[in-house]
PDB file of all heavy atoms in Angstrom:
ATOM      1  N   VAL A   1      12.403 -18.116  21.801  1.00  0.00           N
ATOM      2  CA  VAL A   1      12.442 -19.423  21.129  1.00  0.00           C
ATOM      3  C   VAL A   1      11.154 -19.600  20.286  1.00  0.00           C
ATOM      4  O   VAL A   1      11.221 -20.166  19.195  1.00  0.00           O
ATOM      5  CB  VAL A   1      12.589 -20.566  22.103  1.00  0.00           C
ATOM      6  CG1 VAL A   1      12.532 -21.919  21.439  1.00  0.00           C
ATOM      7  CG2 VAL A   1      13.940 -20.483  22.845  1.00  0.00           C
ATOM      8  N   ASP A   2      10.009 -19.174  20.812  1.00  0.00           N
ATOM      9  CA  ASP A   2       8.776 -19.284  20.035  1.00  0.00           C
ATOM     10  C   ASP A   2       8.838 -18.545  18.713  1.00  0.00           C
ATOM     11  O   ASP A   2       8.317 -19.011  17.699  1.00  0.00           O
ATOM     12  CB  ASP A   2       7.579 -18.773  20.863  1.00  0.00           C
ATOM     13  CG  ASP A   2       7.194 -19.688  21.967  1.00  0.00           C
ATOM     14  OD1 ASP A   2       7.523 -20.881  21.918  1.00  0.00           O
ATOM     15  OD2 ASP A   2       6.491 -19.258  22.913  1.00  0.00           O
ATOM     16  N   LEU A   3       9.490 -17.413  18.729  1.00  0.00           N
ATOM     17  CA  LEU A   3       9.592 -16.648  17.487  1.00  0.00           C
ATOM     18  C   LEU A   3      10.464 -17.384  16.485  1.00  0.00           C
ATOM     19  O   LEU A   3      10.126 -17.445  15.293  1.00  0.00           O
ATOM     20  CB  LEU A   3      10.197 -15.247  17.815  1.00  0.00           C
ATOM     21  CG  LEU A   3      10.451 -14.357  16.599  1.00  0.00           C
ATOM     22  CD1 LEU A   3       9.140 -14.018  15.882  1.00  0.00           C
ATOM     23  CD2 LEU A   3      11.133 -13.019  17.037  1.00  0.00           C
ATOM     24  N   ILE A   4      11.592 -17.883  16.949  1.00  0.00           N
ATOM     25  CA  ILE A   4      12.487 -18.637  16.041  1.00  0.00           C
ATOM     26  C   ILE A   4      11.815 -19.880  15.486  1.00  0.00           C
ATOM     27  O   ILE A   4      11.864 -20.158  14.289  1.00  0.00           O
ATOM     28  CB  ILE A   4      13.792 -19.041  16.796  1.00  0.00           C
ATOM     29  CG1 ILE A   4      14.558 -17.741  17.214  1.00  0.00           C
ATOM     30  CG2 ILE A   4      14.656 -19.918  15.882  1.00  0.00           C
ATOM     31  CD1 ILE A   4      15.740 -18.051  18.093  1.00  0.00           C
ATOM     32  N   THR A   5      11.104 -20.575  16.383  1.00  0.00           N
ATOM     33  CA  THR A   5      10.373 -21.812  15.941  1.00  0.00           C
ATOM     34  C   THR A   5       9.285 -21.482  14.917  1.00  0.00           C
ATOM     35  O   THR A   5       9.134 -22.161  13.910  1.00  0.00           O
ATOM     36  CB  THR A   5       9.748 -22.502  17.137  1.00  0.00           C
ATOM     37  OG1 THR A   5      10.806 -22.859  18.078  1.00  0.00           O
ATOM     38  CG2 THR A   5       9.037 -23.779  16.751  1.00  0.00           C
ATOM     39  N   ALA A   6       8.525 -20.418  15.198  1.00  0.00           N
ATOM     40  CA  ALA A   6       7.409 -20.028  14.316  1.00  0.00           C
ATOM     41  C   ALA A   6       7.951 -19.616  12.915  1.00  0.00           C
ATOM     42  O   ALA A   6       7.364 -20.000  11.888  1.00  0.00           O
ATOM     43  CB  ALA A   6       6.594 -18.886  14.923  1.00  0.00           C
ATOM     44  N   ALA A   7       9.053 -18.896  12.911  1.00  0.00           N
ATOM     45  CA  ALA A   7       9.624 -18.489  11.609  1.00  0.00           C
ATOM     46  C   ALA A   7      10.152 -19.704  10.866  1.00  0.00           C
ATOM     47  O   ALA A   7       9.888 -19.800   9.621  1.00  0.00           O
ATOM     48  CB  ALA A   7      10.754 -17.486  11.856  1.00  0.00           C
ATOM     49  N   SER A   8      10.786 -20.601  11.552  1.00  0.00           N
ATOM     50  CA  SER A   8      11.320 -21.800  10.919  1.00  0.00           C
ATOM     51  C   SER A   8      10.194 -22.675  10.378  1.00  0.00           C
ATOM     52  O   SER A   8      10.256 -23.189   9.242  1.00  0.00           O
ATOM     53  CB  SER A   8      12.185 -22.590  11.902  1.00  0.00           C
ATOM     54  OG  SER A   8      12.600 -23.817  11.362  1.00  0.00           O
ATOM     55  N   ASP A   9       9.170 -22.900  11.202  1.00  0.00           N
ATOM     56  CA  ASP A   9       7.994 -23.689  10.764  1.00  0.00           C
ATOM     57  C   ASP A   9       7.278 -23.083   9.559  1.00  0.00           C
ATOM     58  O   ASP A   9       6.788 -23.796   8.694  1.00  0.00           O
ATOM     59  CB  ASP A   9       7.041 -23.911  11.898  1.00  0.00           C
ATOM     60  CG  ASP A   9       7.610 -24.836  13.025  1.00  0.00           C
ATOM     61  OD1 ASP A   9       8.635 -25.516  12.712  1.00  0.00           O
ATOM     62  OD2 ASP A   9       7.006 -24.875  14.083  1.00  0.00           O
ATOM     63  N   THR A  10       7.193 -21.790   9.563  1.00  0.00           N
ATOM     64  CA  THR A  10       6.529 -21.123   8.447  1.00  0.00           C
ATOM     65  C   THR A  10       7.275 -21.320   7.147  1.00  0.00           C
ATOM     66  O   THR A  10       6.694 -21.656   6.101  1.00  0.00           O
ATOM     67  CB  THR A  10       6.407 -19.546   8.728  1.00  0.00           C
ATOM     68  OG1 THR A  10       5.623 -19.384   9.892  1.00  0.00           O
ATOM     69  CG2 THR A  10       5.739 -18.865   7.537  1.00  0.00           C
ATOM     70  N   ALA A  11       8.581 -21.134   7.190  1.00  0.00           N
ATOM     71  CA  ALA A  11       9.421 -21.355   6.019  1.00  0.00           C
ATOM     72  C   ALA A  11       9.336 -22.835   5.538  1.00  0.00           C
ATOM     73  O   ALA A  11       9.160 -23.099   4.351  1.00  0.00           O
ATOM     74  CB  ALA A  11      10.845 -20.944   6.301  1.00  0.00           C
ATOM     75  N   THR A  12       9.470 -23.747   6.490  1.00  0.00           N
ATOM     76  CA  THR A  12       9.409 -25.182   6.155  1.00  0.00           C
ATOM     77  C   THR A  12       8.089 -25.571   5.601  1.00  0.00           C
ATOM     78  O   THR A  12       7.987 -26.287   4.564  1.00  0.00           O
ATOM     79  CB  THR A  12       9.762 -26.043   7.403  1.00  0.00           C
ATOM     80  OG1 THR A  12      11.102 -25.698   7.882  1.00  0.00           O
ATOM     81  CG2 THR A  12       9.765 -27.521   7.022  1.00  0.00           C
ATOM     82  N   GLY A  13       6.987 -25.156   6.257  1.00  0.00           N
ATOM     83  CA  GLY A  13       5.656 -25.531   5.816  1.00  0.00           C
ATOM     84  C   GLY A  13       5.292 -24.978   4.463  1.00  0.00           C
ATOM     85  O   GLY A  13       4.771 -25.679   3.592  1.00  0.00           O
ATOM     86  N   SER A  14       5.587 -23.682   4.277  1.00  0.00           N
ATOM     87  CA  SER A  14       5.287 -23.094   2.933  1.00  0.00           C
ATOM     88  C   SER A  14       6.135 -23.685   1.856  1.00  0.00           C
ATOM     89  O   SER A  14       5.639 -23.912   0.732  1.00  0.00           O
ATOM     90  CB  SER A  14       5.486 -21.551   3.004  1.00  0.00           C
ATOM     91  OG  SER A  14       6.841 -21.246   3.281  1.00  0.00           O
ATOM     92  N   GLY A  15       7.390 -23.993   2.145  1.00  0.00           N
ATOM     93  CA  GLY A  15       8.218 -24.665   1.138  1.00  0.00           C
ATOM     94  C   GLY A  15       7.723 -26.049   0.778  1.00  0.00           C
ATOM     95  O   GLY A  15       7.739 -26.412  -0.393  1.00  0.00           O
ATOM     96  N   ALA A  16       7.246 -26.789   1.768  1.00  0.00           N
ATOM     97  CA  ALA A  16       6.688 -28.114   1.518  1.00  0.00           C
ATOM     98  C   ALA A  16       5.485 -28.070   0.639  1.00  0.00           C
ATOM     99  O   ALA A  16       5.271 -28.893  -0.270  1.00  0.00           O
ATOM    100  CB  ALA A  16       6.415 -28.842   2.802  1.00  0.00           C
ATOM    101  N   ILE A  17       4.587 -27.077   0.957  1.00  0.00           N
ATOM    102  CA  ILE A  17       3.371 -26.914   0.156  1.00  0.00           C
ATOM    103  C   ILE A  17       3.700 -26.595  -1.278  1.00  0.00           C
ATOM    104  O   ILE A  17       3.146 -27.158  -2.266  1.00  0.00           O
ATOM    105  CB  ILE A  17       2.459 -25.866   0.759  1.00  0.00           C
ATOM    106  CG1 ILE A  17       1.930 -26.272   2.127  1.00  0.00           C
ATOM    107  CG2 ILE A  17       1.333 -25.467  -0.175  1.00  0.00           C
ATOM    108  CD1 ILE A  17       1.214 -25.160   2.895  1.00  0.00           C
ATOM    109  N   GLY A  18       4.644 -25.708  -1.470  1.00  0.00           N
ATOM    110  CA  GLY A  18       5.076 -25.347  -2.851  1.00  0.00           C
ATOM    111  C   GLY A  18       5.700 -26.529  -3.576  1.00  0.00           C
ATOM    112  O   GLY A  18       5.417 -26.729  -4.754  1.00  0.00           O
ATOM    113  N   ALA A  19       6.533 -27.318  -2.878  1.00  0.00           N
ATOM    114  CA  ALA A  19       7.166 -28.432  -3.481  1.00  0.00           C
ATOM    115  C   ALA A  19       6.117 -29.491  -3.897  1.00  0.00           C
ATOM    116  O   ALA A  19       6.200 -30.077  -4.979  1.00  0.00           O
ATOM    117  CB  ALA A  19       8.186 -29.079  -2.547  1.00  0.00           C
ATOM    118  N   TYR A  20       5.150 -29.705  -2.999  1.00  0.00           N
ATOM    119  CA  TYR A  20       4.084 -30.689  -3.365  1.00  0.00           C
ATOM    120  C   TYR A  20       3.255 -30.267  -4.508  1.00  0.00           C
ATOM    121  O   TYR A  20       2.907 -31.053  -5.419  1.00  0.00           O
ATOM    122  CB  TYR A  20       3.235 -30.983  -2.135  1.00  0.00           C
ATOM    123  CG  TYR A  20       2.249 -32.111  -2.314  1.00  0.00           C
ATOM    124  CD1 TYR A  20       2.630 -33.414  -2.042  1.00  0.00           C
ATOM    125  CD2 TYR A  20       0.949 -31.907  -2.768  1.00  0.00           C
ATOM    126  CE1 TYR A  20       1.802 -34.473  -2.208  1.00  0.00           C
ATOM    127  CE2 TYR A  20       0.090 -32.949  -2.939  1.00  0.00           C
ATOM    128  CZ  TYR A  20       0.483 -34.231  -2.620  1.00  0.00           C
ATOM    129  OH  TYR A  20      -0.376 -35.300  -2.824  1.00  0.00           O
ATOM    130  N   SER A  21       2.907 -28.947  -4.562  1.00  0.00           N
ATOM    131  CA  SER A  21       2.098 -28.444  -5.623  1.00  0.00           C
ATOM    132  C   SER A  21       2.831 -28.562  -6.974  1.00  0.00           C
ATOM    133  O   SER A  21       2.271 -28.959  -8.001  1.00  0.00           O
ATOM    134  CB  SER A  21       1.730 -26.979  -5.375  1.00  0.00           C
ATOM    135  OG  SER A  21       0.937 -26.831  -4.220  1.00  0.00           O
ATOM    136  N   ALA A  22       4.135 -28.159  -6.965  1.00  0.00           N
ATOM    137  CA  ALA A  22       4.928 -28.299  -8.206  1.00  0.00           C
ATOM    138  C   ALA A  22       5.019 -29.744  -8.669  1.00  0.00           C
ATOM    139  O   ALA A  22       4.926 -30.076  -9.832  1.00  0.00           O
ATOM    140  CB  ALA A  22       6.330 -27.699  -7.992  1.00  0.00           C
ATOM    141  N   PHE A  23       5.240 -30.646  -7.668  1.00  0.00           N
ATOM    142  CA  PHE A  23       5.312 -32.087  -8.000  1.00  0.00           C
ATOM    143  C   PHE A  23       3.991 -32.620  -8.582  1.00  0.00           C
ATOM    144  O   PHE A  23       3.998 -33.306  -9.615  1.00  0.00           O
ATOM    145  CB  PHE A  23       5.692 -32.860  -6.712  1.00  0.00           C
ATOM    146  CG  PHE A  23       5.565 -34.320  -6.842  1.00  0.00           C
ATOM    147  CD1 PHE A  23       6.501 -35.087  -7.560  1.00  0.00           C
ATOM    148  CD2 PHE A  23       4.537 -35.011  -6.231  1.00  0.00           C
ATOM    149  CE1 PHE A  23       6.394 -36.436  -7.643  1.00  0.00           C
ATOM    150  CE2 PHE A  23       4.420 -36.366  -6.320  1.00  0.00           C
ATOM    151  CZ  PHE A  23       5.363 -37.122  -7.030  1.00  0.00           C
ATOM    152  N   ALA A  24       2.862 -32.292  -7.928  1.00  0.00           N
ATOM    153  CA  ALA A  24       1.579 -32.783  -8.398  1.00  0.00           C
ATOM    154  C   ALA A  24       1.245 -32.252  -9.818  1.00  0.00           C
ATOM    155  O   ALA A  24       0.760 -32.984 -10.657  1.00  0.00           O
ATOM    156  CB  ALA A  24       0.478 -32.391  -7.390  1.00  0.00           C
ATOM    157  N   ASP A  25       1.524 -30.972 -10.011  1.00  0.00           N
ATOM    158  CA  ASP A  25       1.241 -30.390 -11.355  1.00  0.00           C
ATOM    159  C   ASP A  25       2.157 -31.057 -12.432  1.00  0.00           C
ATOM    160  O   ASP A  25       1.716 -31.335 -13.539  1.00  0.00           O
ATOM    161  CB  ASP A  25       1.548 -28.879 -11.341  1.00  0.00           C
ATOM    162  CG  ASP A  25       0.489 -28.115 -10.566  1.00  0.00           C
ATOM    163  OD1 ASP A  25      -0.576 -28.681 -10.271  1.00  0.00           O
ATOM    164  OD2 ASP A  25       0.772 -26.929 -10.212  1.00  0.00           O
ATOM    165  N   THR A  26       3.385 -31.291 -12.061  1.00  0.00           N
ATOM    166  CA  THR A  26       4.324 -31.936 -12.993  1.00  0.00           C
ATOM    167  C   THR A  26       3.846 -33.329 -13.356  1.00  0.00           C
ATOM    168  O   THR A  26       3.937 -33.780 -14.531  1.00  0.00           O
ATOM    169  CB  THR A  26       5.760 -31.997 -12.422  1.00  0.00           C
ATOM    170  OG1 THR A  26       6.205 -30.621 -12.166  1.00  0.00           O
ATOM    171  CG2 THR A  26       6.741 -32.660 -13.338  1.00  0.00           C
ATOM    172  N   MET A  27       3.409 -34.075 -12.329  1.00  0.00           N
ATOM    173  CA  MET A  27       2.957 -35.445 -12.588  1.00  0.00           C
ATOM    174  C   MET A  27       1.707 -35.491 -13.419  1.00  0.00           C
ATOM    175  O   MET A  27       1.506 -36.371 -14.314  1.00  0.00           O
ATOM    176  CB  MET A  27       2.754 -36.171 -11.230  1.00  0.00           C
ATOM    177  CG  MET A  27       4.048 -36.322 -10.389  1.00  0.00           C
ATOM    178  SD  MET A  27       5.267 -37.322 -11.210  1.00  0.00           S
ATOM    179  CE  MET A  27       4.645 -39.007 -10.862  1.00  0.00           C
ATOM    180  N   ASP A  28       0.753 -34.583 -13.185  1.00  0.00           N
ATOM    181  CA  ASP A  28      -0.427 -34.506 -13.956  1.00  0.00           C
ATOM    182  C   ASP A  28      -0.105 -34.242 -15.457  1.00  0.00           C
ATOM    183  O   ASP A  28      -0.633 -34.921 -16.347  1.00  0.00           O
ATOM    184  CB  ASP A  28      -1.356 -33.414 -13.448  1.00  0.00           C
ATOM    185  CG  ASP A  28      -2.048 -33.820 -12.156  1.00  0.00           C
ATOM    186  OD1 ASP A  28      -2.061 -35.018 -11.831  1.00  0.00           O
ATOM    187  OD2 ASP A  28      -2.592 -32.911 -11.476  1.00  0.00           O
ATOM    188  N   ASP A  29       0.776 -33.261 -15.680  1.00  0.00           N
ATOM    189  CA  ASP A  29       1.199 -32.950 -17.034  1.00  0.00           C
ATOM    190  C   ASP A  29       1.916 -34.131 -17.702  1.00  0.00           C
ATOM    191  O   ASP A  29       1.695 -34.427 -18.856  1.00  0.00           O
ATOM    192  CB  ASP A  29       2.094 -31.715 -17.030  1.00  0.00           C
ATOM    193  CG  ASP A  29       2.551 -31.321 -18.419  1.00  0.00           C
ATOM    194  OD1 ASP A  29       1.720 -30.798 -19.197  1.00  0.00           O
ATOM    195  OD2 ASP A  29       3.712 -31.529 -18.711  1.00  0.00           O
TER     196      ASP A  29
END
């Protein structure tokens, strides 16, 4: 279960960071 949770959290966390970065850059522009 730890492996499944870690993989899911990694995907979710990295996706959120990317979404926020794209959003912030778009808003600045």
